[in-house]
Amino acid sequence: MSALVQLQHELEYWTGKAAKLKLNGEHETYKWEYDTCLENMALFQRLLDKRQEALLRSSSIKASP
């Protein structure tokens, strides 16, 4: 599995977990867990953005003569 796909799976996992807590009204009861989900979502989104940006930069460098 590529690193990009793995980052996407991690982001989906933490997003789903946060959504489940919110939908069940447990985001206040388990605030520390919900906050952890939000922090991990932000982390994996930043990592994913950086990875995609690096891929775009490398592909534009290869494409130029």
PDB file of N, CA and C in Angstrom:
ATOM      1  N   MET A   1       0.854  -1.180   0.000  1.00  0.00           N
ATOM      2  CA  MET A   1       0.000   0.000   0.000  1.00  0.00           C
ATOM      3  C   MET A   1       0.895   1.237   0.000  1.00  0.00           C
ATOM      4  N   SER A   2       0.577   2.158  -0.879  1.00  0.00           N
ATOM      5  CA  SER A   2       1.402   3.360  -0.966  1.00  0.00           C
ATOM      6  C   SER A   2       1.178   4.252   0.260  1.00  0.00           C
ATOM      7  N   ALA A   3       2.141   5.095   0.502  1.00  0.00           N
ATOM      8  CA  ALA A   3       2.056   6.005   1.652  1.00  0.00           C
ATOM      9  C   ALA A   3       0.857   6.936   1.524  1.00  0.00           C
ATOM     10  N   LEU A   4       0.566   7.350   0.299  1.00  0.00           N
ATOM     11  CA  LEU A   4      -0.558   8.258   0.073  1.00  0.00           C
ATOM     12  C   LEU A   4      -1.879   7.585   0.438  1.00  0.00           C
ATOM     13  N   VAL A   5      -2.040   6.351   0.026  1.00  0.00           N
ATOM     14  CA  VAL A   5      -3.266   5.603   0.336  1.00  0.00           C
ATOM     15  C   VAL A   5      -3.372   5.348   1.830  1.00  0.00           C
ATOM     16  N   GLN A   6      -2.251   5.052   2.463  1.00  0.00           N
ATOM     17  CA  GLN A   6      -2.253   4.807   3.903  1.00  0.00           C
ATOM     18  C   GLN A   6      -2.660   6.073   4.668  1.00  0.00           C
ATOM     19  N   LEU A   7      -2.155   7.222   4.228  1.00  0.00           N
ATOM     20  CA  LEU A   7      -2.539   8.484   4.863  1.00  0.00           C
ATOM     21  C   LEU A   7      -4.032   8.751   4.691  1.00  0.00           C
ATOM     22  N   GLN A   8      -4.562   8.442   3.510  1.00  0.00           N
ATOM     23  CA  GLN A   8      -5.994   8.621   3.267  1.00  0.00           C
ATOM     24  C   GLN A   8      -6.816   7.716   4.177  1.00  0.00           C
ATOM     25  N   HIS A   9      -6.364   6.477   4.370  1.00  0.00           N
ATOM     26  CA  HIS A   9      -7.082   5.553   5.255  1.00  0.00           C
ATOM     27  C   HIS A   9      -7.060   6.047   6.702  1.00  0.00           C
ATOM     28  N   GLU A  10      -5.913   6.543   7.126  1.00  0.00           N
ATOM     29  CA  GLU A  10      -5.817   7.072   8.492  1.00  0.00           C
ATOM     30  C   GLU A  10      -6.758   8.261   8.682  1.00  0.00           C
ATOM     31  N   LEU A  11      -6.777   9.156   7.703  1.00  0.00           N
ATOM     32  CA  LEU A  11      -7.656  10.322   7.779  1.00  0.00           C
ATOM     33  C   LEU A  11      -9.120   9.888   7.830  1.00  0.00           C
ATOM     34  N   GLU A  12      -9.485   8.914   7.006  1.00  0.00           N
ATOM     35  CA  GLU A  12     -10.860   8.402   7.002  1.00  0.00           C
ATOM     36  C   GLU A  12     -11.211   7.764   8.337  1.00  0.00           C
ATOM     37  N   TYR A  13     -10.272   7.028   8.929  1.00  0.00           N
ATOM     38  CA  TYR A  13     -10.517   6.382  10.216  1.00  0.00           C
ATOM     39  C   TYR A  13     -10.832   7.417  11.293  1.00  0.00           C
ATOM     40  N   TRP A  14      -9.957   8.426  11.428  1.00  0.00           N
ATOM     41  CA  TRP A  14     -10.148   9.429  12.472  1.00  0.00           C
ATOM     42  C   TRP A  14     -11.371  10.302  12.214  1.00  0.00           C
ATOM     43  N   THR A  15     -11.671  10.569  10.944  1.00  0.00           N
ATOM     44  CA  THR A  15     -12.865  11.340  10.606  1.00  0.00           C
ATOM     45  C   THR A  15     -14.113  10.553  10.982  1.00  0.00           C
ATOM     46  N   GLY A  16     -14.120   9.270  10.672  1.00  0.00           N
ATOM     47  CA  GLY A  16     -15.251   8.416  11.009  1.00  0.00           C
ATOM     48  C   GLY A  16     -15.452   8.287  12.510  1.00  0.00           C
ATOM     49  N   LYS A  17     -14.353   8.144  13.227  1.00  0.00           N
ATOM     50  CA  LYS A  17     -14.442   8.021  14.683  1.00  0.00           C
ATOM     51  C   LYS A  17     -14.993   9.300  15.311  1.00  0.00           C
ATOM     52  N   ALA A  18     -14.523  10.449  14.824  1.00  0.00           N
ATOM     53  CA  ALA A  18     -15.022  11.734  15.342  1.00  0.00           C
ATOM     54  C   ALA A  18     -16.496  11.898  15.013  1.00  0.00           C
ATOM     55  N   ALA A  19     -16.889  11.522  13.800  1.00  0.00           N
ATOM     56  CA  ALA A  19     -18.293  11.635  13.397  1.00  0.00           C
ATOM     57  C   ALA A  19     -19.182  10.747  14.258  1.00  0.00           C
ATOM     58  N   LYS A  20     -18.709   9.544  14.547  1.00  0.00           N
ATOM     59  CA  LYS A  20     -19.482   8.618  15.389  1.00  0.00           C
ATOM     60  C   LYS A  20     -19.686   9.193  16.788  1.00  0.00           C
ATOM     61  N   LEU A  21     -18.619   9.746  17.363  1.00  0.00           N
ATOM     62  CA  LEU A  21     -18.733  10.357  18.686  1.00  0.00           C
ATOM     63  C   LEU A  21     -19.725  11.519  18.668  1.00  0.00           C
ATOM     64  N   LYS A  22     -19.648  12.331  17.628  1.00  0.00           N
ATOM     65  CA  LYS A  22     -20.527  13.506  17.512  1.00  0.00           C
ATOM     66  C   LYS A  22     -21.981  13.069  17.331  1.00  0.00           C
ATOM     67  N   LEU A  23     -22.204  12.098  16.442  1.00  0.00           N
ATOM     68  CA  LEU A  23     -23.572  11.640  16.176  1.00  0.00           C
ATOM     69  C   LEU A  23     -24.215  10.996  17.396  1.00  0.00           C
ATOM     70  N   ASN A  24     -23.402  10.301  18.180  1.00  0.00           N
ATOM     71  CA  ASN A  24     -23.926   9.652  19.383  1.00  0.00           C
ATOM     72  C   ASN A  24     -24.008  10.601  20.568  1.00  0.00           C
ATOM     73  N   GLY A  25     -23.604  11.857  20.366  1.00  0.00           N
ATOM     74  CA  GLY A  25     -23.628  12.832  21.451  1.00  0.00           C
ATOM     75  C   GLY A  25     -22.570  12.567  22.506  1.00  0.00           C
ATOM     76  N   GLU A  26     -21.550  11.790  22.160  1.00  0.00           N
ATOM     77  CA  GLU A  26     -20.500  11.434  23.115  1.00  0.00           C
ATOM     78  C   GLU A  26     -19.284  12.350  23.020  1.00  0.00           C
ATOM     79  N   HIS A  27     -19.350  13.339  22.135  1.00  0.00           N
ATOM     80  CA  HIS A  27     -18.210  14.232  21.950  1.00  0.00           C
ATOM     81  C   HIS A  27     -17.953  15.104  23.178  1.00  0.00           C
ATOM     82  N   GLU A  28     -18.962  15.286  24.009  1.00  0.00           N
ATOM     83  CA  GLU A  28     -18.762  16.050  25.248  1.00  0.00           C
ATOM     84  C   GLU A  28     -18.394  15.133  26.406  1.00  0.00           C
ATOM     85  N   THR A  29     -18.997  13.952  26.437  1.00  0.00           N
ATOM     86  CA  THR A  29     -18.692  12.986  27.494  1.00  0.00           C
ATOM     87  C   THR A  29     -17.255  12.515  27.369  1.00  0.00           C
ATOM     88  N   TYR A  30     -16.842  12.206  26.146  1.00  0.00           N
ATOM     89  CA  TYR A  30     -15.486  11.726  25.871  1.00  0.00           C
ATOM     90  C   TYR A  30     -14.705  12.806  25.116  1.00  0.00           C
ATOM     91  N   LYS A  31     -14.668  13.989  25.718  1.00  0.00           N
ATOM     92  CA  LYS A  31     -14.039  15.142  25.072  1.00  0.00           C
ATOM     93  C   LYS A  31     -12.588  14.886  24.714  1.00  0.00           C
ATOM     94  N   TRP A  32     -11.850  14.244  25.594  1.00  0.00           N
ATOM     95  CA  TRP A  32     -10.429  13.957  25.317  1.00  0.00           C
ATOM     96  C   TRP A  32     -10.283  13.071  24.084  1.00  0.00           C
ATOM     97  N   GLU A  33     -11.182  12.087  23.926  1.00  0.00           N
ATOM     98  CA  GLU A  33     -11.118  11.196  22.768  1.00  0.00           C
ATOM     99  C   GLU A  33     -11.515  11.944  21.488  1.00  0.00           C
ATOM    100  N   TYR A  34     -12.536  12.783  21.598  1.00  0.00           N
ATOM    101  CA  TYR A  34     -12.977  13.573  20.451  1.00  0.00           C
ATOM    102  C   TYR A  34     -11.879  14.559  20.031  1.00  0.00           C
ATOM    103  N   ASP A  35     -11.251  15.209  21.007  1.00  0.00           N
ATOM    104  CA  ASP A  35     -10.156  16.136  20.716  1.00  0.00           C
ATOM    105  C   ASP A  35      -8.983  15.409  20.059  1.00  0.00           C
ATOM    106  N   THR A  36      -8.703  14.194  20.511  1.00  0.00           N
ATOM    107  CA  THR A  36      -7.647  13.392  19.900  1.00  0.00           C
ATOM    108  C   THR A  36      -7.976  13.096  18.443  1.00  0.00           C
ATOM    109  N   CYS A  37      -9.233  12.772  18.176  1.00  0.00           N
ATOM    110  CA  CYS A  37      -9.666  12.532  16.802  1.00  0.00           C
ATOM    111  C   CYS A  37      -9.445  13.776  15.944  1.00  0.00           C
ATOM    112  N   LEU A  38      -9.839  14.940  16.460  1.00  0.00           N
ATOM    113  CA  LEU A  38      -9.677  16.185  15.711  1.00  0.00           C
ATOM    114  C   LEU A  38      -8.208  16.504  15.454  1.00  0.00           C
ATOM    115  N   GLU A  39      -7.374  16.268  16.470  1.00  0.00           N
ATOM    116  CA  GLU A  39      -5.941  16.511  16.306  1.00  0.00           C
ATOM    117  C   GLU A  39      -5.350  15.577  15.251  1.00  0.00           C
ATOM    118  N   ASN A  40      -5.737  14.306  15.295  1.00  0.00           N
ATOM    119  CA  ASN A  40      -5.227  13.339  14.325  1.00  0.00           C
ATOM    120  C   ASN A  40      -5.749  13.630  12.924  1.00  0.00           C
ATOM    121  N   MET A  41      -6.987  14.083  12.837  1.00  0.00           N
ATOM    122  CA  MET A  41      -7.526  14.463  11.529  1.00  0.00           C
ATOM    123  C   MET A  41      -6.691  15.596  10.935  1.00  0.00           C
ATOM    124  N   ALA A  42      -6.390  16.602  11.739  1.00  0.00           N
ATOM    125  CA  ALA A  42      -5.595  17.736  11.269  1.00  0.00           C
ATOM    126  C   ALA A  42      -4.190  17.277  10.878  1.00  0.00           C
ATOM    127  N   LEU A  43      -3.602  16.405  11.689  1.00  0.00           N
ATOM    128  CA  LEU A  43      -2.269  15.896  11.402  1.00  0.00           C
ATOM    129  C   LEU A  43      -2.230  15.148  10.078  1.00  0.00           C
ATOM    130  N   PHE A  44      -3.134  14.186   9.896  1.00  0.00           N
ATOM    131  CA  PHE A  44      -3.117  13.391   8.675  1.00  0.00           C
ATOM    132  C   PHE A  44      -3.515  14.215   7.453  1.00  0.00           C
ATOM    133  N   GLN A  45      -4.337  15.235   7.637  1.00  0.00           N
ATOM    134  CA  GLN A  45      -4.664  16.105   6.516  1.00  0.00           C
ATOM    135  C   GLN A  45      -3.436  16.906   6.085  1.00  0.00           C
ATOM    136  N   ARG A  46      -2.675  17.411   7.077  1.00  0.00           N
ATOM    137  CA  ARG A  46      -1.443  18.147   6.745  1.00  0.00           C
ATOM    138  C   ARG A  46      -0.443  17.236   6.034  1.00  0.00           C
ATOM    139  N   LEU A  47      -0.276  16.014   6.544  1.00  0.00           N
ATOM    140  CA  LEU A  47       0.651  15.070   5.925  1.00  0.00           C
ATOM    141  C   LEU A  47       0.222  14.729   4.505  1.00  0.00           C
ATOM    142  N   LEU A  48      -1.068  14.525   4.331  1.00  0.00           N
ATOM    143  CA  LEU A  48      -1.605  14.206   3.010  1.00  0.00           C
ATOM    144  C   LEU A  48      -1.396  15.374   2.050  1.00  0.00           C
ATOM    145  N   ASP A  49      -1.666  16.582   2.516  1.00  0.00           N
ATOM    146  CA  ASP A  49      -1.469  17.774   1.684  1.00  0.00           C
ATOM    147  C   ASP A  49      -0.003  17.921   1.267  1.00  0.00           C
ATOM    148  N   LYS A  50       0.914  17.707   2.224  1.00  0.00           N
ATOM    149  CA  LYS A  50       2.334  17.822   1.919  1.00  0.00           C
ATOM    150  C   LYS A  50       2.763  16.755   0.917  1.00  0.00           C
ATOM    151  N   ARG A  51       2.261  15.538   1.086  1.00  0.00           N
ATOM    152  CA  ARG A  51       2.618  14.451   0.174  1.00  0.00           C
ATOM    153  C   ARG A  51       2.105  14.739  -1.231  1.00  0.00           C
ATOM    154  N   GLN A  52       0.865  15.224  -1.323  1.00  0.00           N
ATOM    155  CA  GLN A  52       0.298  15.528  -2.633  1.00  0.00           C
ATOM    156  C   GLN A  52       1.024  16.705  -3.284  1.00  0.00           C
ATOM    157  N   GLU A  53       1.387  17.688  -2.479  1.00  0.00           N
ATOM    158  CA  GLU A  53       2.133  18.833  -2.996  1.00  0.00           C
ATOM    159  C   GLU A  53       3.496  18.380  -3.528  1.00  0.00           C
ATOM    160  N   ALA A  54       4.154  17.500  -2.810  1.00  0.00           N
ATOM    161  CA  ALA A  54       5.450  16.980  -3.252  1.00  0.00           C
ATOM    162  C   ALA A  54       5.308  16.204  -4.552  1.00  0.00           C
ATOM    163  N   LEU A  55       4.235  15.428  -4.682  1.00  0.00           N
ATOM    164  CA  LEU A  55       3.999  14.679  -5.921  1.00  0.00           C
ATOM    165  C   LEU A  55       3.758  15.623  -7.093  1.00  0.00           C
ATOM    166  N   LEU A  56       3.004  16.687  -6.852  1.00  0.00           N
ATOM    167  CA  LEU A  56       2.750  17.654  -7.914  1.00  0.00           C
ATOM    168  C   LEU A  56       4.040  18.361  -8.337  1.00  0.00           C
ATOM    169  N   ARG A  57       4.855  18.730  -7.349  1.00  0.00           N
ATOM    170  CA  ARG A  57       6.118  19.386  -7.662  1.00  0.00           C
ATOM    171  C   ARG A  57       7.028  18.467  -8.462  1.00  0.00           C
ATOM    172  N   SER A  58       7.121  17.210  -8.047  1.00  0.00           N
ATOM    173  CA  SER A  58       8.006  16.281  -8.758  1.00  0.00           C
ATOM    174  C   SER A  58       7.500  15.986 -10.157  1.00  0.00           C
ATOM    175  N   SER A  59       6.185  15.938 -10.346  1.00  0.00           N
ATOM    176  CA  SER A  59       5.657  15.674 -11.683  1.00  0.00           C
ATOM    177  C   SER A  59       5.813  16.899 -12.592  1.00  0.00           C
ATOM    178  N   SER A  60       5.735  18.096 -12.039  1.00  0.00           N
ATOM    179  CA  SER A  60       5.913  19.299 -12.867  1.00  0.00           C
ATOM    180  C   SER A  60       7.382  19.471 -13.246  1.00  0.00           C
ATOM    181  N   ILE A  61       8.282  19.043 -12.393  1.00  0.00           N
ATOM    182  CA  ILE A  61       9.716  19.118 -12.694  1.00  0.00           C
ATOM    183  C   ILE A  61      10.040  18.139 -13.824  1.00  0.00           C
ATOM    184  N   LYS A  62       9.479  16.945 -13.764  1.00  0.00           N
ATOM    185  CA  LYS A  62       9.714  15.937 -14.794  1.00  0.00           C
ATOM    186  C   LYS A  62       9.115  16.354 -16.137  1.00  0.00           C
ATOM    187  N   ALA A  63       8.019  17.084 -16.108  1.00  0.00           N
ATOM    188  CA  ALA A  63       7.323  17.459 -17.324  1.00  0.00           C
ATOM    189  C   ALA A  63       8.012  18.611 -18.054  1.00  0.00           C
ATOM    190  N   SER A  64       8.758  19.411 -17.331  1.00  0.00           N
ATOM    191  CA  SER A  64       9.415  20.545 -18.000  1.00  0.00           C
ATOM    192  C   SER A  64      10.657  20.087 -18.755  1.00  0.00           C
ATOM    193  N   PRO A  65      10.922  20.690 -19.912  1.00  0.00           N
ATOM    194  CA  PRO A  65      12.069  20.261 -20.745  1.00  0.00           C
ATOM    195  C   PRO A  65      13.411  20.653 -20.163  1.00  0.00           C
TER     196      PRO A  65
END
